[in-house]
Amino acid sequence: MIDSFRAAVLASGSEVHSVGHSGSAPAPFDAVDGSSLAGPNGSHPLALISAAELVSQTGNGLDGEITIKDPVRIGEAIAGHLRVTARRDIHARSANLRLVGALIAEHHEQRQEHDSKGQVTSTEEWVQVGGSFIEELPFTEPILPTTLSAGQTFETDFNLPAPRLGPP
C-alpha cells in the first residue's frame, strides 16, 4: 500500500514544500533538504521521498555500499555485504559495523498569534517531518580494518541479529 500511495502522490505532481518551515532527520538520514521535509496542512512530504534518498552518501573519507541479501524479518538474522573504499588514508582507533533504527515520521504543527487580550488572531498549520534514533547497535563482528590507504577497498559479508523491537 505504501508504494501505491507514494505512486499516487508522485502522479499528482503535488508540490508539498512549505515556505519558512523545514523538517529534519538524524544523520545519516539527513540527505534531503529540510525544506523538502515540510509542507502545507494535509500534505505528505515523506510520500515524495524514497528511503534511499534520505541516506547521506558521504562521510569521513569513505565511499561504500551495504547490500542486504534478503528481506529483514523480526527475529531473523540480517545477512549482507559491506564494501568500502578509502578516499584518503584512514588511521582509526577502532571500527565497527553499526545497525541503526530510526523513527522518521510526519507530524502536524501549529502556531497561533494572540492579541493583547489573549484572543487568537491568526493560526498557521503545517506538516513537518522529524526523526530520532530508536536503536543503535554496534557489532564487533565482522572485524573491520582500522587502517586503509587512499584508494584501498575492503569487502566482507556480515550476518547480524535483527533488533528485538522490529526491523531497522
C-alpha atoms as a PDB file:
ATOM      1  CA  MET A   1       0.000   0.000   0.000  1.00  0.00           C
ATOM      2  CA  ILE A   2       2.815   2.435   0.719  1.00  0.00           C
ATOM      3  CA  ASP A   3       4.189   2.003  -2.805  1.00  0.00           C
ATOM      4  CA  SER A   4       0.775   2.708  -4.329  1.00  0.00           C
ATOM      5  CA  PHE A   5       0.215   5.708  -2.028  1.00  0.00           C
ATOM      6  CA  ARG A   6       3.653   7.079  -2.960  1.00  0.00           C
ATOM      7  CA  ALA A   7       2.914   6.446  -6.641  1.00  0.00           C
ATOM      8  CA  ALA A   8      -0.400   8.308  -6.344  1.00  0.00           C
ATOM      9  CA  VAL A   9       1.262  11.323  -4.699  1.00  0.00           C
ATOM     10  CA  LEU A  10       4.029  11.379  -7.311  1.00  0.00           C
ATOM     11  CA  ALA A  11       1.493  11.049 -10.150  1.00  0.00           C
ATOM     12  CA  SER A  12      -0.491  14.000  -8.785  1.00  0.00           C
ATOM     13  CA  GLY A  13       2.556  16.228  -9.312  1.00  0.00           C
ATOM     14  CA  SER A  14       1.865  17.876  -5.970  1.00  0.00           C
ATOM     15  CA  GLU A  15       4.449  20.178  -4.515  1.00  0.00           C
ATOM     16  CA  VAL A  16       4.384  19.999  -0.737  1.00  0.00           C
ATOM     17  CA  HIS A  17       7.080  22.482   0.209  1.00  0.00           C
ATOM     18  CA  SER A  18       6.047  24.864   2.955  1.00  0.00           C
ATOM     19  CA  VAL A  19       7.638  28.300   2.816  1.00  0.00           C
ATOM     20  CA  GLY A  20       9.501  29.130   6.013  1.00  0.00           C
ATOM     21  CA  HIS A  21       9.274  25.662   7.550  1.00  0.00           C
ATOM     22  CA  SER A  22      11.625  22.720   7.479  1.00  0.00           C
ATOM     23  CA  GLY A  23      11.881  19.252   8.895  1.00  0.00           C
ATOM     24  CA  SER A  24      14.860  17.170   9.893  1.00  0.00           C
ATOM     25  CA  ALA A  25      16.135  13.638  10.302  1.00  0.00           C
ATOM     26  CA  PRO A  26      19.219  12.367  12.154  1.00  0.00           C
ATOM     27  CA  ALA A  27      22.452  11.624  10.268  1.00  0.00           C
ATOM     28  CA  PRO A  28      22.947   9.617   8.130  1.00  0.00           C
ATOM     29  CA  PHE A  29      19.265  10.018   7.124  1.00  0.00           C
ATOM     30  CA  ASP A  30      19.712  13.759   6.516  1.00  0.00           C
ATOM     31  CA  ALA A  31      20.467  13.855   2.778  1.00  0.00           C
ATOM     32  CA  VAL A  32      17.183  15.591   1.882  1.00  0.00           C
ATOM     33  CA  ASP A  33      16.993  19.370   2.247  1.00  0.00           C
ATOM     34  CA  GLY A  34      14.942  20.386   5.306  1.00  0.00           C
ATOM     35  CA  SER A  35      12.502  22.469   3.243  1.00  0.00           C
ATOM     36  CA  SER A  36      11.505  19.276   1.380  1.00  0.00           C
ATOM     37  CA  LEU A  37      10.548  17.776   4.739  1.00  0.00           C
ATOM     38  CA  ALA A  38       7.716  20.228   5.401  1.00  0.00           C
ATOM     39  CA  GLY A  39       4.512  21.076   3.605  1.00  0.00           C
ATOM     40  CA  PRO A  40       1.124  22.721   3.971  1.00  0.00           C
ATOM     41  CA  ASN A  41      -1.522  21.253   6.250  1.00  0.00           C
ATOM     42  CA  GLY A  42      -2.856  17.988   4.802  1.00  0.00           C
ATOM     43  CA  SER A  43       0.243  17.269   2.703  1.00  0.00           C
ATOM     44  CA  HIS A  44       2.523  14.238   2.967  1.00  0.00           C
ATOM     45  CA  PRO A  45       6.163  15.298   2.414  1.00  0.00           C
ATOM     46  CA  LEU A  46       7.527  11.791   3.067  1.00  0.00           C
ATOM     47  CA  ALA A  47       5.428  10.325   0.262  1.00  0.00           C
ATOM     48  CA  LEU A  48       7.613  12.154  -2.269  1.00  0.00           C
ATOM     49  CA  ILE A  49      10.892  10.849  -0.809  1.00  0.00           C
ATOM     50  CA  SER A  50      12.209   7.296  -1.034  1.00  0.00           C
ATOM     51  CA  ALA A  51      14.122   5.768   1.871  1.00  0.00           C
ATOM     52  CA  ALA A  52      17.251   5.615  -0.299  1.00  0.00           C
ATOM     53  CA  GLU A  53      17.061   9.392  -0.931  1.00  0.00           C
ATOM     54  CA  LEU A  54      17.179  10.067   2.823  1.00  0.00           C
ATOM     55  CA  VAL A  55      20.565   8.366   3.297  1.00  0.00           C
ATOM     56  CA  SER A  56      23.585  10.660   3.032  1.00  0.00           C
ATOM     57  CA  GLN A  57      26.144   9.279   0.594  1.00  0.00           C
ATOM     58  CA  THR A  58      29.290  10.831   2.065  1.00  0.00           C
ATOM     59  CA  GLY A  59      31.174  10.658   5.302  1.00  0.00           C
ATOM     60  CA  ASN A  60      34.618  10.547   6.898  1.00  0.00           C
ATOM     61  CA  GLY A  61      36.699   9.756   3.838  1.00  0.00           C
ATOM     62  CA  LEU A  62      34.964   6.528   2.857  1.00  0.00           C
ATOM     63  CA  ASP A  63      32.786   5.598  -0.091  1.00  0.00           C
ATOM     64  CA  GLY A  64      30.861   2.401   0.196  1.00  0.00           C
ATOM     65  CA  GLU A  65      27.810   0.298  -0.092  1.00  0.00           C
ATOM     66  CA  ILE A  66      25.874  -2.033   2.157  1.00  0.00           C
ATOM     67  CA  THR A  67      23.754  -4.644   0.423  1.00  0.00           C
ATOM     68  CA  ILE A  68      21.122  -6.595   2.365  1.00  0.00           C
ATOM     69  CA  LYS A  69      20.737 -10.097   0.863  1.00  0.00           C
ATOM     70  CA  ASP A  70      17.176 -10.984   1.930  1.00  0.00           C
ATOM     71  CA  PRO A  71      14.155  -9.126   3.328  1.00  0.00           C
ATOM     72  CA  VAL A  72      14.626  -8.232   7.002  1.00  0.00           C
ATOM     73  CA  ARG A  73      12.289 -10.121   9.323  1.00  0.00           C
ATOM     74  CA  ILE A  74      11.837  -9.732  13.063  1.00  0.00           C
ATOM     75  CA  GLY A  75      13.716 -12.459  14.913  1.00  0.00           C
ATOM     76  CA  GLU A  76      15.859 -13.470  11.939  1.00  0.00           C
ATOM     77  CA  ALA A  77      19.447 -12.587  11.148  1.00  0.00           C
ATOM     78  CA  ILE A  78      20.295  -9.771   8.750  1.00  0.00           C
ATOM     79  CA  ALA A  79      22.692 -11.046   6.103  1.00  0.00           C
ATOM     80  CA  GLY A  80      24.511  -8.723   3.771  1.00  0.00           C
ATOM     81  CA  HIS A  81      27.702  -7.485   2.178  1.00  0.00           C
ATOM     82  CA  LEU A  82      29.802  -4.410   3.028  1.00  0.00           C
ATOM     83  CA  ARG A  83      32.154  -2.726   0.572  1.00  0.00           C
ATOM     84  CA  VAL A  84      34.123   0.429   1.415  1.00  0.00           C
ATOM     85  CA  THR A  85      36.818   2.328  -0.451  1.00  0.00           C
ATOM     86  CA  ALA A  86      39.031   4.909   1.245  1.00  0.00           C
ATOM     87  CA  ARG A  87      39.053   8.345  -0.426  1.00  0.00           C
ATOM     88  CA  ARG A  88      42.052   9.275   1.744  1.00  0.00           C
ATOM     89  CA  ASP A  89      44.389   7.474   4.147  1.00  0.00           C
ATOM     90  CA  ILE A  90      42.409   6.214   7.146  1.00  0.00           C
ATOM     91  CA  HIS A  91      44.019   5.649  10.572  1.00  0.00           C
ATOM     92  CA  ALA A  92      41.365   4.951  13.217  1.00  0.00           C
ATOM     93  CA  ARG A  93      41.495   3.612  16.775  1.00  0.00           C
ATOM     94  CA  SER A  94      38.538   1.317  16.148  1.00  0.00           C
ATOM     95  CA  ALA A  95      35.967   0.424  13.520  1.00  0.00           C
ATOM     96  CA  ASN A  96      32.682  -1.412  13.736  1.00  0.00           C
ATOM     97  CA  LEU A  97      29.526  -2.074  11.820  1.00  0.00           C
ATOM     98  CA  ARG A  98      26.571  -0.320  13.423  1.00  0.00           C
ATOM     99  CA  LEU A  99      22.922  -1.212  12.935  1.00  0.00           C
ATOM    100  CA  VAL A 100      20.741   1.869  13.364  1.00  0.00           C
ATOM    101  CA  GLY A 101      16.993   2.051  13.736  1.00  0.00           C
ATOM    102  CA  ALA A 102      15.410   5.453  13.179  1.00  0.00           C
ATOM    103  CA  LEU A 103      11.845   6.647  13.505  1.00  0.00           C
ATOM    104  CA  ILE A 104      11.153   9.226  10.809  1.00  0.00           C
ATOM    105  CA  ALA A 105       7.559  10.445  10.684  1.00  0.00           C
ATOM    106  CA  GLU A 106       5.308  13.333   9.690  1.00  0.00           C
ATOM    107  CA  HIS A 107       3.630  15.329  12.426  1.00  0.00           C
ATOM    108  CA  HIS A 108       1.175  18.204  12.478  1.00  0.00           C
ATOM    109  CA  GLU A 109       2.472  21.609  13.657  1.00  0.00           C
ATOM    110  CA  GLN A 110       0.529  24.734  14.546  1.00  0.00           C
ATOM    111  CA  ARG A 111       1.423  28.297  15.506  1.00  0.00           C
ATOM    112  CA  GLN A 112      -1.077  30.847  16.823  1.00  0.00           C
ATOM    113  CA  GLU A 113      -0.756  34.580  17.298  1.00  0.00           C
ATOM    114  CA  HIS A 114      -2.709  36.312  20.058  1.00  0.00           C
ATOM    115  CA  ASP A 115      -3.756  39.908  20.652  1.00  0.00           C
ATOM    116  CA  SER A 116      -3.226  41.789  23.920  1.00  0.00           C
ATOM    117  CA  LYS A 117      -6.432  40.245  25.328  1.00  0.00           C
ATOM    118  CA  GLY A 118      -5.237  36.697  24.620  1.00  0.00           C
ATOM    119  CA  GLN A 119      -7.623  36.156  21.720  1.00  0.00           C
ATOM    120  CA  VAL A 120      -6.312  34.159  18.758  1.00  0.00           C
ATOM    121  CA  THR A 121      -5.765  36.495  15.805  1.00  0.00           C
ATOM    122  CA  SER A 122      -4.254  34.010  13.351  1.00  0.00           C
ATOM    123  CA  THR A 123      -3.412  30.338  13.106  1.00  0.00           C
ATOM    124  CA  GLU A 124      -0.858  28.713  10.850  1.00  0.00           C
ATOM    125  CA  GLU A 125      -0.795  24.924  10.371  1.00  0.00           C
ATOM    126  CA  TRP A 126       1.656  22.711   8.509  1.00  0.00           C
ATOM    127  CA  VAL A 127       3.075  19.185   8.308  1.00  0.00           C
ATOM    128  CA  GLN A 128       6.690  18.630   9.286  1.00  0.00           C
ATOM    129  CA  VAL A 129       8.959  15.574   9.226  1.00  0.00           C
ATOM    130  CA  GLY A 130      11.060  14.783  12.269  1.00  0.00           C
ATOM    131  CA  GLY A 131      13.256  11.859  13.175  1.00  0.00           C
ATOM    132  CA  SER A 132      15.159  10.276  16.017  1.00  0.00           C
ATOM    133  CA  PHE A 133      17.137   7.133  16.707  1.00  0.00           C
ATOM    134  CA  ILE A 134      15.243   4.349  18.429  1.00  0.00           C
ATOM    135  CA  GLU A 135      18.131   1.889  18.487  1.00  0.00           C
ATOM    136  CA  GLU A 136      21.880   1.877  17.812  1.00  0.00           C
ATOM    137  CA  LEU A 137      23.662  -1.456  17.937  1.00  0.00           C
ATOM    138  CA  PRO A 138      27.434  -1.604  17.323  1.00  0.00           C
ATOM    139  CA  PHE A 139      28.879  -5.002  16.351  1.00  0.00           C
ATOM    140  CA  THR A 140      32.473  -6.164  16.716  1.00  0.00           C
ATOM    141  CA  GLU A 141      31.932  -8.885  14.089  1.00  0.00           C
ATOM    142  CA  PRO A 142      32.819  -8.778  11.293  1.00  0.00           C
ATOM    143  CA  ILE A 143      36.255  -7.416  12.123  1.00  0.00           C
ATOM    144  CA  LEU A 144      36.829  -4.209  10.181  1.00  0.00           C
ATOM    145  CA  PRO A 145      40.244  -2.704   9.385  1.00  0.00           C
ATOM    146  CA  THR A 146      41.293   0.423  11.264  1.00  0.00           C
ATOM    147  CA  THR A 147      43.804   1.413   8.591  1.00  0.00           C
ATOM    148  CA  LEU A 148      43.173   1.849   4.875  1.00  0.00           C
ATOM    149  CA  SER A 149      45.297   3.586   2.248  1.00  0.00           C
ATOM    150  CA  ALA A 150      43.715   6.038  -0.167  1.00  0.00           C
ATOM    151  CA  GLY A 151      42.044   4.023  -2.934  1.00  0.00           C
ATOM    152  CA  GLN A 152      42.132   0.739  -0.985  1.00  0.00           C
ATOM    153  CA  THR A 153      38.887  -1.279  -0.924  1.00  0.00           C
ATOM    154  CA  PHE A 154      37.708  -3.616   1.829  1.00  0.00           C
ATOM    155  CA  GLU A 155      34.840  -6.071   1.396  1.00  0.00           C
ATOM    156  CA  THR A 156      33.193  -8.519   3.780  1.00  0.00           C
ATOM    157  CA  ASP A 157      29.967 -10.415   4.319  1.00  0.00           C
ATOM    158  CA  PHE A 158      28.073  -9.991   7.577  1.00  0.00           C
ATOM    159  CA  ASN A 159      25.332 -11.744   9.493  1.00  0.00           C
ATOM    160  CA  LEU A 160      23.802  -9.684  12.331  1.00  0.00           C
ATOM    161  CA  PRO A 161      20.941 -10.430  14.708  1.00  0.00           C
ATOM    162  CA  ALA A 162      17.814  -8.374  13.963  1.00  0.00           C
ATOM    163  CA  PRO A 163      16.769  -5.899  16.679  1.00  0.00           C
ATOM    164  CA  ARG A 164      14.226  -7.208  19.188  1.00  0.00           C
ATOM    165  CA  LEU A 165      11.935  -4.200  18.647  1.00  0.00           C
ATOM    166  CA  GLY A 166      11.461  -4.701  14.938  1.00  0.00           C
ATOM    167  CA  PRO A 167      13.171  -4.132  11.620  1.00  0.00           C
ATOM    168  CA  PRO A 168      15.799  -1.382  11.292  1.00  0.00           C
END
